[in-house]
Amino acid sequence: MLKKEHIEELKTQLLDKKQKLLEEASISQNFIEELHSDTKGDEADIAEISLDTHNLSLLREKQVEELREIEHALKKIENGTYNVCEMCDEPVGLKRLRAKPHAKYCIECRGIFEKEQKS
């Protein structure tokens, strides 16, 4: 079981990361909108804008997914299930949580999950 001070430390990390992601997502969205409003240029310019928009959209999708994971972790803190592996119900170690405070799985189960994703 994590000490209350560790949970507070990790909660602060989660909230800080959430704020940073929200700011980055807003910047990405504004940049995408700027790219779409600038339709002047030749075919090469339009192709570059299209590629930039695609790459920014992929980045934004990752940001949104990470925001979901952070929200999920914050809810787990609220309901007292934080640091419990969602696969084996064993504790997720403090080292792992410090590296990734929104981790859903312990190290062992994360390996299993990644193998399943590759199949």
N, C-alpha and C. Protein backbone atom coordinates (compact mmCIF):
# COMPACT_ATOMS: atom_id res chain seq x y z
N MET A 1 0.84 -1.19 0.00
CA MET A 1 0.00 0.00 0.00
C MET A 1 0.88 1.24 0.00
N LEU A 2 0.53 2.20 -0.82
CA LEU A 2 1.30 3.44 -0.89
C LEU A 2 0.97 4.34 0.30
N LYS A 3 1.98 5.05 0.76
CA LYS A 3 1.76 6.03 1.82
C LYS A 3 0.99 7.21 1.23
N LYS A 4 0.26 7.89 2.11
CA LYS A 4 -0.55 9.03 1.69
C LYS A 4 0.30 10.09 1.00
N GLU A 5 1.52 10.33 1.51
CA GLU A 5 2.39 11.34 0.91
C GLU A 5 2.81 10.96 -0.51
N HIS A 6 2.99 9.65 -0.75
CA HIS A 6 3.33 9.20 -2.11
C HIS A 6 2.15 9.39 -3.05
N ILE A 7 0.97 9.09 -2.56
CA ILE A 7 -0.23 9.29 -3.39
C ILE A 7 -0.39 10.76 -3.74
N GLU A 8 -0.18 11.63 -2.77
CA GLU A 8 -0.28 13.07 -3.03
C GLU A 8 0.77 13.53 -4.03
N GLU A 9 1.99 13.01 -3.89
CA GLU A 9 3.07 13.33 -4.84
C GLU A 9 2.68 12.92 -6.25
N LEU A 10 2.15 11.71 -6.38
CA LEU A 10 1.77 11.18 -7.70
C LEU A 10 0.55 11.91 -8.26
N LYS A 11 -0.37 12.27 -7.38
CA LYS A 11 -1.54 13.03 -7.81
C LYS A 11 -1.10 14.38 -8.37
N THR A 12 -0.15 15.01 -7.71
CA THR A 12 0.38 16.29 -8.20
C THR A 12 1.01 16.11 -9.57
N GLN A 13 1.77 15.03 -9.75
CA GLN A 13 2.37 14.75 -11.06
C GLN A 13 1.29 14.58 -12.13
N LEU A 14 0.24 13.84 -11.77
CA LEU A 14 -0.85 13.62 -12.72
C LEU A 14 -1.53 14.93 -13.10
N LEU A 15 -1.80 15.77 -12.12
CA LEU A 15 -2.47 17.04 -12.39
C LEU A 15 -1.57 17.97 -13.22
N ASP A 16 -0.27 17.97 -12.92
CA ASP A 16 0.66 18.79 -13.70
C ASP A 16 0.72 18.31 -15.15
N LYS A 17 0.80 17.00 -15.33
CA LYS A 17 0.86 16.43 -16.68
C LYS A 17 -0.44 16.72 -17.44
N LYS A 18 -1.55 16.62 -16.74
CA LYS A 18 -2.85 16.90 -17.35
C LYS A 18 -2.89 18.34 -17.86
N GLN A 19 -2.44 19.28 -17.04
CA GLN A 19 -2.43 20.68 -17.43
C GLN A 19 -1.53 20.91 -18.64
N LYS A 20 -0.37 20.29 -18.62
CA LYS A 20 0.58 20.43 -19.74
C LYS A 20 -0.02 19.87 -21.03
N LEU A 21 -0.66 18.70 -20.94
CA LEU A 21 -1.28 18.09 -22.12
C LEU A 21 -2.42 18.94 -22.66
N LEU A 22 -3.21 19.52 -21.77
CA LEU A 22 -4.30 20.38 -22.21
C LEU A 22 -3.77 21.59 -22.96
N GLU A 23 -2.68 22.16 -22.45
CA GLU A 23 -2.06 23.30 -23.12
C GLU A 23 -1.51 22.90 -24.48
N GLU A 24 -0.81 21.75 -24.53
CA GLU A 24 -0.25 21.27 -25.79
C GLU A 24 -1.34 20.95 -26.80
N ALA A 25 -2.43 20.35 -26.33
CA ALA A 25 -3.54 20.01 -27.23
C ALA A 25 -4.17 21.27 -27.81
N SER A 26 -4.28 22.29 -27.00
CA SER A 26 -4.83 23.55 -27.47
C SER A 26 -3.93 24.18 -28.54
N ILE A 27 -2.63 24.15 -28.29
CA ILE A 27 -1.67 24.68 -29.26
C ILE A 27 -1.76 23.89 -30.57
N SER A 28 -1.80 22.55 -30.46
CA SER A 28 -1.90 21.70 -31.65
C SER A 28 -3.17 22.02 -32.43
N GLN A 29 -4.28 22.16 -31.73
CA GLN A 29 -5.55 22.45 -32.40
C GLN A 29 -5.49 23.78 -33.11
N ASN A 30 -4.91 24.79 -32.46
CA ASN A 30 -4.79 26.11 -33.09
C ASN A 30 -3.92 26.04 -34.34
N PHE A 31 -2.84 25.26 -34.25
CA PHE A 31 -1.94 25.13 -35.39
C PHE A 31 -2.63 24.41 -36.55
N ILE A 32 -3.41 23.38 -36.23
CA ILE A 32 -4.16 22.66 -37.27
C ILE A 32 -5.13 23.62 -37.95
N GLU A 33 -5.82 24.43 -37.16
CA GLU A 33 -6.77 25.38 -37.73
C GLU A 33 -6.06 26.40 -38.62
N GLU A 34 -4.87 26.84 -38.20
CA GLU A 34 -4.10 27.77 -39.02
C GLU A 34 -3.69 27.13 -40.34
N LEU A 35 -3.26 25.88 -40.27
CA LEU A 35 -2.87 25.18 -41.50
C LEU A 35 -4.04 25.08 -42.47
N HIS A 36 -5.23 24.78 -41.96
CA HIS A 36 -6.40 24.63 -42.82
C HIS A 36 -6.84 25.97 -43.41
N SER A 37 -6.61 27.04 -42.69
CA SER A 37 -7.03 28.35 -43.20
C SER A 37 -6.07 28.88 -44.27
N ASP A 38 -4.85 28.33 -44.31
CA ASP A 38 -3.85 28.76 -45.30
C ASP A 38 -3.84 27.78 -46.47
N THR A 39 -4.77 27.95 -47.38
CA THR A 39 -4.87 27.03 -48.52
C THR A 39 -4.22 27.59 -49.78
N LYS A 40 -3.45 28.65 -49.60
CA LYS A 40 -2.75 29.24 -50.75
C LYS A 40 -1.50 28.42 -51.03
N GLY A 41 -1.07 28.43 -52.25
CA GLY A 41 0.16 27.76 -52.61
C GLY A 41 -0.06 26.73 -53.70
N ASP A 42 1.04 26.14 -54.10
CA ASP A 42 0.96 25.14 -55.15
C ASP A 42 0.67 23.76 -54.55
N GLU A 43 0.70 22.74 -55.39
CA GLU A 43 0.38 21.39 -54.94
C GLU A 43 1.34 20.90 -53.87
N ALA A 44 2.61 21.26 -53.99
CA ALA A 44 3.60 20.84 -52.98
C ALA A 44 3.28 21.45 -51.62
N ASP A 45 2.88 22.73 -51.61
CA ASP A 45 2.52 23.38 -50.35
C ASP A 45 1.30 22.71 -49.73
N ILE A 46 0.33 22.42 -50.56
CA ILE A 46 -0.90 21.77 -50.08
C ILE A 46 -0.60 20.38 -49.54
N ALA A 47 0.29 19.65 -50.23
CA ALA A 47 0.68 18.31 -49.76
C ALA A 47 1.40 18.41 -48.41
N GLU A 48 2.26 19.41 -48.26
CA GLU A 48 2.98 19.58 -47.00
C GLU A 48 2.01 19.94 -45.87
N ILE A 49 1.06 20.80 -46.16
CA ILE A 49 0.05 21.15 -45.16
C ILE A 49 -0.75 19.92 -44.76
N SER A 50 -1.09 19.10 -45.74
CA SER A 50 -1.84 17.88 -45.48
C SER A 50 -1.05 16.93 -44.57
N LEU A 51 0.23 16.77 -44.87
CA LEU A 51 1.09 15.91 -44.07
C LEU A 51 1.24 16.46 -42.65
N ASP A 52 1.47 17.77 -42.54
CA ASP A 52 1.59 18.40 -41.22
C ASP A 52 0.31 18.22 -40.42
N THR A 53 -0.82 18.41 -41.08
CA THR A 53 -2.11 18.24 -40.40
C THR A 53 -2.28 16.81 -39.92
N HIS A 54 -1.91 15.86 -40.77
CA HIS A 54 -2.02 14.45 -40.40
C HIS A 54 -1.14 14.15 -39.18
N ASN A 55 0.11 14.60 -39.21
CA ASN A 55 1.02 14.35 -38.10
C ASN A 55 0.54 15.00 -36.81
N LEU A 56 0.03 16.23 -36.91
CA LEU A 56 -0.50 16.90 -35.73
C LEU A 56 -1.74 16.19 -35.20
N SER A 57 -2.55 15.67 -36.09
CA SER A 57 -3.74 14.93 -35.67
C SER A 57 -3.36 13.66 -34.92
N LEU A 58 -2.33 12.97 -35.41
CA LEU A 58 -1.85 11.78 -34.70
C LEU A 58 -1.32 12.14 -33.32
N LEU A 59 -0.57 13.22 -33.24
CA LEU A 59 -0.05 13.68 -31.95
C LEU A 59 -1.20 14.02 -31.02
N ARG A 60 -2.19 14.69 -31.55
CA ARG A 60 -3.35 15.09 -30.74
C ARG A 60 -4.10 13.86 -30.22
N GLU A 61 -4.23 12.83 -31.04
CA GLU A 61 -4.88 11.59 -30.61
C GLU A 61 -4.13 10.98 -29.43
N LYS A 62 -2.80 10.97 -29.49
CA LYS A 62 -2.00 10.44 -28.39
C LYS A 62 -2.19 11.28 -27.14
N GLN A 63 -2.26 12.59 -27.31
CA GLN A 63 -2.47 13.47 -26.16
C GLN A 63 -3.83 13.20 -25.52
N VAL A 64 -4.84 13.04 -26.33
CA VAL A 64 -6.19 12.76 -25.82
C VAL A 64 -6.22 11.42 -25.08
N GLU A 65 -5.56 10.42 -25.63
CA GLU A 65 -5.50 9.11 -24.98
C GLU A 65 -4.79 9.20 -23.64
N GLU A 66 -3.69 9.93 -23.60
CA GLU A 66 -2.98 10.08 -22.33
C GLU A 66 -3.82 10.85 -21.32
N LEU A 67 -4.57 11.84 -21.78
CA LEU A 67 -5.49 12.56 -20.88
C LEU A 67 -6.54 11.62 -20.30
N ARG A 68 -7.05 10.71 -21.12
CA ARG A 68 -8.02 9.72 -20.62
C ARG A 68 -7.39 8.85 -19.54
N GLU A 69 -6.16 8.41 -19.79
CA GLU A 69 -5.47 7.56 -18.81
C GLU A 69 -5.21 8.32 -17.51
N ILE A 70 -4.88 9.60 -17.61
CA ILE A 70 -4.66 10.42 -16.42
C ILE A 70 -5.96 10.58 -15.65
N GLU A 71 -7.04 10.86 -16.35
CA GLU A 71 -8.35 10.99 -15.69
C GLU A 71 -8.73 9.69 -14.99
N HIS A 72 -8.45 8.58 -15.65
CA HIS A 72 -8.73 7.27 -15.06
C HIS A 72 -7.93 7.08 -13.77
N ALA A 73 -6.66 7.45 -13.79
CA ALA A 73 -5.82 7.32 -12.60
C ALA A 73 -6.31 8.23 -11.48
N LEU A 74 -6.72 9.44 -11.82
CA LEU A 74 -7.24 10.36 -10.80
C LEU A 74 -8.52 9.81 -10.16
N LYS A 75 -9.37 9.18 -10.96
CA LYS A 75 -10.59 8.56 -10.41
C LYS A 75 -10.23 7.40 -9.49
N LYS A 76 -9.19 6.65 -9.87
CA LYS A 76 -8.75 5.54 -9.03
C LYS A 76 -8.21 6.05 -7.69
N ILE A 77 -7.55 7.20 -7.71
CA ILE A 77 -7.10 7.80 -6.45
C ILE A 77 -8.30 8.13 -5.59
N GLU A 78 -9.32 8.73 -6.19
CA GLU A 78 -10.54 9.11 -5.47
C GLU A 78 -11.23 7.90 -4.84
N ASN A 79 -11.29 6.78 -5.58
CA ASN A 79 -12.04 5.63 -5.05
C ASN A 79 -11.17 4.61 -4.32
N GLY A 80 -9.88 4.94 -4.14
CA GLY A 80 -9.02 4.08 -3.33
C GLY A 80 -8.45 2.85 -4.03
N THR A 81 -8.50 2.82 -5.36
CA THR A 81 -7.97 1.66 -6.08
C THR A 81 -6.69 1.99 -6.85
N TYR A 82 -6.13 3.16 -6.59
CA TYR A 82 -4.90 3.56 -7.27
C TYR A 82 -3.77 2.63 -6.86
N ASN A 83 -2.89 2.39 -7.75
CA ASN A 83 -1.70 1.53 -7.64
C ASN A 83 -2.04 0.05 -7.55
N VAL A 84 -3.24 -0.33 -7.98
CA VAL A 84 -3.63 -1.73 -8.06
C VAL A 84 -3.63 -2.10 -9.54
N CYS A 85 -2.85 -3.12 -9.90
CA CYS A 85 -2.77 -3.57 -11.28
C CYS A 85 -4.15 -4.00 -11.76
N GLU A 86 -4.54 -3.54 -12.93
CA GLU A 86 -5.85 -3.86 -13.47
C GLU A 86 -5.92 -5.25 -14.10
N MET A 87 -4.78 -5.94 -14.11
CA MET A 87 -4.78 -7.28 -14.66
C MET A 87 -4.70 -8.34 -13.55
N CYS A 88 -3.79 -8.13 -12.59
CA CYS A 88 -3.57 -9.17 -11.57
C CYS A 88 -3.97 -8.74 -10.16
N ASP A 89 -4.40 -7.51 -9.99
CA ASP A 89 -4.81 -6.95 -8.69
C ASP A 89 -3.69 -6.85 -7.67
N GLU A 90 -2.46 -6.97 -8.13
CA GLU A 90 -1.31 -6.78 -7.23
C GLU A 90 -0.92 -5.30 -7.26
N PRO A 91 -0.17 -4.85 -6.24
CA PRO A 91 0.25 -3.45 -6.23
C PRO A 91 1.19 -3.11 -7.40
N VAL A 92 1.00 -1.93 -7.93
CA VAL A 92 1.93 -1.38 -8.92
C VAL A 92 2.98 -0.64 -8.11
N GLY A 93 4.23 -0.94 -8.35
CA GLY A 93 5.31 -0.38 -7.54
C GLY A 93 5.45 1.13 -7.64
N LEU A 94 5.98 1.71 -6.58
CA LEU A 94 6.18 3.15 -6.52
C LEU A 94 7.14 3.62 -7.61
N LYS A 95 8.19 2.86 -7.88
CA LYS A 95 9.14 3.24 -8.94
C LYS A 95 8.42 3.37 -10.28
N ARG A 96 7.59 2.40 -10.57
CA ARG A 96 6.84 2.41 -11.84
C ARG A 96 5.90 3.60 -11.89
N LEU A 97 5.21 3.86 -10.79
CA LEU A 97 4.26 4.97 -10.76
C LEU A 97 4.96 6.32 -10.85
N ARG A 98 6.15 6.40 -10.28
CA ARG A 98 6.89 7.66 -10.41
C ARG A 98 7.30 7.88 -11.87
N ALA A 99 7.61 6.81 -12.57
CA ALA A 99 7.97 6.92 -13.99
C ALA A 99 6.75 7.18 -14.86
N LYS A 100 5.62 6.56 -14.48
CA LYS A 100 4.38 6.70 -15.25
C LYS A 100 3.22 6.66 -14.25
N PRO A 101 2.86 7.82 -13.71
CA PRO A 101 1.84 7.85 -12.65
C PRO A 101 0.46 7.33 -13.06
N HIS A 102 0.20 7.23 -14.36
CA HIS A 102 -1.09 6.72 -14.81
C HIS A 102 -1.00 5.27 -15.29
N ALA A 103 0.04 4.58 -14.84
CA ALA A 103 0.21 3.16 -15.22
C ALA A 103 -0.97 2.34 -14.73
N LYS A 104 -1.50 1.51 -15.61
CA LYS A 104 -2.62 0.63 -15.26
C LYS A 104 -2.15 -0.73 -14.77
N TYR A 105 -0.93 -1.11 -15.19
CA TYR A 105 -0.46 -2.46 -14.94
C TYR A 105 0.90 -2.45 -14.22
N CYS A 106 1.14 -3.51 -13.47
CA CYS A 106 2.46 -3.72 -12.89
C CYS A 106 3.42 -4.07 -14.04
N ILE A 107 4.69 -4.12 -13.75
CA ILE A 107 5.70 -4.40 -14.79
C ILE A 107 5.42 -5.73 -15.49
N GLU A 108 5.15 -6.77 -14.73
CA GLU A 108 4.94 -8.10 -15.32
C GLU A 108 3.73 -8.11 -16.25
N CYS A 109 2.64 -7.55 -15.79
CA CYS A 109 1.42 -7.55 -16.59
C CYS A 109 1.55 -6.62 -17.80
N ARG A 110 2.33 -5.57 -17.67
CA ARG A 110 2.55 -4.68 -18.81
C ARG A 110 3.23 -5.45 -19.95
N GLY A 111 4.18 -6.31 -19.58
CA GLY A 111 4.84 -7.16 -20.60
C GLY A 111 3.84 -8.06 -21.28
N ILE A 112 2.95 -8.67 -20.52
CA ILE A 112 1.91 -9.54 -21.08
C ILE A 112 0.99 -8.75 -22.00
N PHE A 113 0.58 -7.57 -21.55
CA PHE A 113 -0.31 -6.71 -22.34
C PHE A 113 0.35 -6.33 -23.67
N GLU A 114 1.63 -5.97 -23.63
CA GLU A 114 2.33 -5.58 -24.86
C GLU A 114 2.44 -6.77 -25.83
N LYS A 115 2.69 -7.97 -25.31
CA LYS A 115 2.76 -9.15 -26.18
C LYS A 115 1.42 -9.39 -26.85
N GLU A 116 0.33 -9.24 -26.08
CA GLU A 116 -1.00 -9.44 -26.63
C GLU A 116 -1.32 -8.40 -27.72
N GLN A 117 -0.84 -7.17 -27.52
CA GLN A 117 -1.10 -6.12 -28.49
C GLN A 117 -0.39 -6.38 -29.82
N LYS A 118 0.78 -7.04 -29.76
CA LYS A 118 1.56 -7.34 -30.96
C LYS A 118 0.96 -8.48 -31.76
N SER A 119 0.19 -9.33 -31.10
CA SER A 119 -0.39 -10.52 -31.77
C SER A 119 -1.52 -10.16 -32.69
